[in-house]
Amino acid sequence: MVAIKRFIKEKSETALFDLGQICILELFPVWQKANQQEYQDFIRRHIPKDDFNIAKLINTLIYNGESKYYEPFCKLFDKKLVYEKLQKEIERVPTLRRKEKNIETFMSIYESEQQR
């Protein structure tokens, strides 16, 4: 947590999302475990923002369009919030889902879960 707090102080909270896959997969669970509420507030504060690049986050963590990366992603990020953000992005860029295999993977699995 010390490293996370120092990074935020020196850079910013949003810069955490620009870290690579390995850093996100290592640091975010630490924060989530150390302070669940603070972590959830952080996620809810950033993902809905208009300038938040949800496609980049998904492409960083759900790569090659493989479904095995969906669950680890959803453990770190509120999947309903991500889905809602993606729907807004797709309204803005209708081809996004078709062009991005990783986004299609996320959307398809989420929608399938909702139909059960």
Protein backbone atom coordinates (compact mmCIF):
# COMPACT_ATOMS: atom_id res chain seq x y z
CA MET A 1 0.00 0.00 0.00
CA VAL A 2 2.89 2.34 0.66
CA ALA A 3 4.00 2.04 -2.96
CA ILE A 4 0.46 2.64 -4.23
CA LYS A 5 -0.01 5.74 -2.07
CA ARG A 6 3.39 7.10 -3.09
CA PHE A 7 2.60 6.51 -6.77
CA ILE A 8 -0.71 8.35 -6.41
CA LYS A 9 0.97 11.24 -4.61
CA GLU A 10 3.75 11.53 -7.22
CA LYS A 11 1.62 10.90 -10.32
CA SER A 12 -2.16 10.63 -9.84
CA GLU A 13 -4.89 8.10 -9.24
CA THR A 14 -5.71 7.92 -12.92
CA ALA A 15 -2.09 7.11 -13.76
CA LEU A 16 -2.61 3.75 -12.01
CA PHE A 17 -4.77 2.69 -14.95
CA ASP A 18 -1.89 3.41 -17.33
CA LEU A 19 0.30 0.81 -15.67
CA GLY A 20 0.86 -2.41 -17.54
CA GLN A 21 -1.00 -5.63 -17.05
CA ILE A 22 1.41 -7.14 -14.54
CA CYS A 23 1.46 -4.02 -12.35
CA ILE A 24 -2.33 -3.73 -12.34
CA LEU A 25 -2.75 -7.42 -11.55
CA GLU A 26 -0.29 -7.12 -8.67
CA LEU A 27 -1.14 -3.72 -7.17
CA PHE A 28 -4.91 -3.51 -7.46
CA PRO A 29 -5.59 -6.72 -5.49
CA VAL A 30 -3.30 -5.45 -2.72
CA TRP A 31 -5.31 -2.25 -2.45
CA GLN A 32 -8.58 -4.15 -2.72
CA LYS A 33 -7.56 -6.44 0.15
CA ALA A 34 -6.08 -3.68 2.32
CA ASN A 35 -9.08 -1.36 2.08
CA GLN A 36 -12.05 -2.72 0.15
CA GLN A 37 -14.19 0.42 0.50
CA GLU A 38 -11.45 2.83 -0.53
CA TYR A 39 -10.64 0.63 -3.52
CA GLN A 40 -14.29 0.41 -4.62
CA ASP A 41 -14.64 4.19 -4.26
CA PHE A 42 -11.55 4.60 -6.45
CA ILE A 43 -13.02 2.35 -9.17
CA ARG A 44 -16.45 4.01 -9.03
CA ARG A 45 -14.85 7.45 -9.16
CA HIS A 46 -12.92 6.79 -12.37
CA ILE A 47 -14.61 4.25 -14.63
CA PRO A 48 -17.80 6.30 -15.25
CA LYS A 49 -15.87 9.44 -16.26
CA ASP A 50 -16.31 10.49 -19.86
CA ASP A 51 -12.56 10.60 -20.45
CA PHE A 52 -11.87 7.16 -18.92
CA ASN A 53 -10.57 4.80 -21.59
CA ILE A 54 -12.41 1.58 -20.78
CA ALA A 55 -11.31 -0.05 -24.04
CA LYS A 56 -7.67 0.40 -23.09
CA LEU A 57 -8.24 -1.16 -19.66
CA ILE A 58 -10.04 -4.16 -21.14
CA ASN A 59 -7.38 -4.59 -23.82
CA THR A 60 -4.71 -4.51 -21.13
CA LEU A 61 -6.31 -7.19 -18.99
CA ILE A 62 -8.52 -9.31 -21.27
CA TYR A 63 -6.14 -10.02 -24.09
CA ASN A 64 -6.34 -12.32 -27.07
CA GLY A 65 -10.10 -12.35 -26.59
CA GLU A 66 -9.72 -15.28 -24.21
CA SER A 67 -12.57 -15.83 -21.77
CA LYS A 68 -10.22 -17.12 -19.04
CA TYR A 69 -9.26 -13.49 -18.34
CA TYR A 70 -12.85 -12.40 -17.70
CA GLU A 71 -13.14 -13.61 -14.09
CA PRO A 72 -9.82 -12.15 -12.91
CA PHE A 73 -10.83 -8.85 -14.52
CA CYS A 74 -14.22 -8.93 -12.79
CA LYS A 75 -12.62 -9.58 -9.41
CA LEU A 76 -10.90 -6.20 -9.72
CA PHE A 77 -13.52 -4.15 -11.54
CA ASP A 78 -17.28 -3.85 -11.08
CA LYS A 79 -18.48 -5.68 -14.19
CA LYS A 80 -21.85 -3.92 -14.26
CA LEU A 81 -20.12 -0.54 -14.14
CA VAL A 82 -17.72 -1.63 -16.90
CA TYR A 83 -20.59 -2.92 -19.04
CA GLU A 84 -22.53 0.33 -18.65
CA LYS A 85 -19.44 2.32 -19.59
CA LEU A 86 -18.91 0.12 -22.65
CA GLN A 87 -22.49 0.61 -23.76
CA LYS A 88 -21.94 4.38 -23.71
CA GLU A 89 -18.73 3.98 -25.70
CA ILE A 90 -20.46 1.76 -28.24
CA GLU A 91 -23.19 4.38 -28.68
CA ARG A 92 -20.42 6.84 -29.49
CA VAL A 93 -18.40 4.39 -31.63
CA PRO A 94 -20.82 1.73 -32.95
CA THR A 95 -18.06 -0.44 -34.46
CA LEU A 96 -16.12 -0.72 -31.18
CA ARG A 97 -17.57 -4.06 -30.14
CA ARG A 98 -17.10 -5.63 -33.56
CA LYS A 99 -13.56 -4.32 -34.01
CA GLU A 100 -12.23 -5.15 -30.54
CA LYS A 101 -12.12 -8.87 -29.80
CA ASN A 102 -11.44 -8.28 -26.10
CA ILE A 103 -14.46 -6.00 -25.75
CA GLU A 104 -16.64 -8.52 -27.56
CA THR A 105 -15.43 -11.21 -25.14
CA PHE A 106 -16.30 -9.11 -22.10
CA MET A 107 -19.69 -8.03 -23.47
CA SER A 108 -20.70 -11.53 -24.57
CA ILE A 109 -19.83 -13.20 -21.27
CA TYR A 110 -21.51 -10.45 -19.24
CA GLU A 111 -24.68 -10.62 -21.35
CA SER A 112 -24.73 -14.39 -21.10
CA GLU A 113 -24.49 -14.16 -17.30
CA GLN A 114 -27.40 -11.72 -17.21
CA GLN A 115 -29.63 -14.08 -19.19
CA ARG A 116 -29.25 -16.89 -16.65
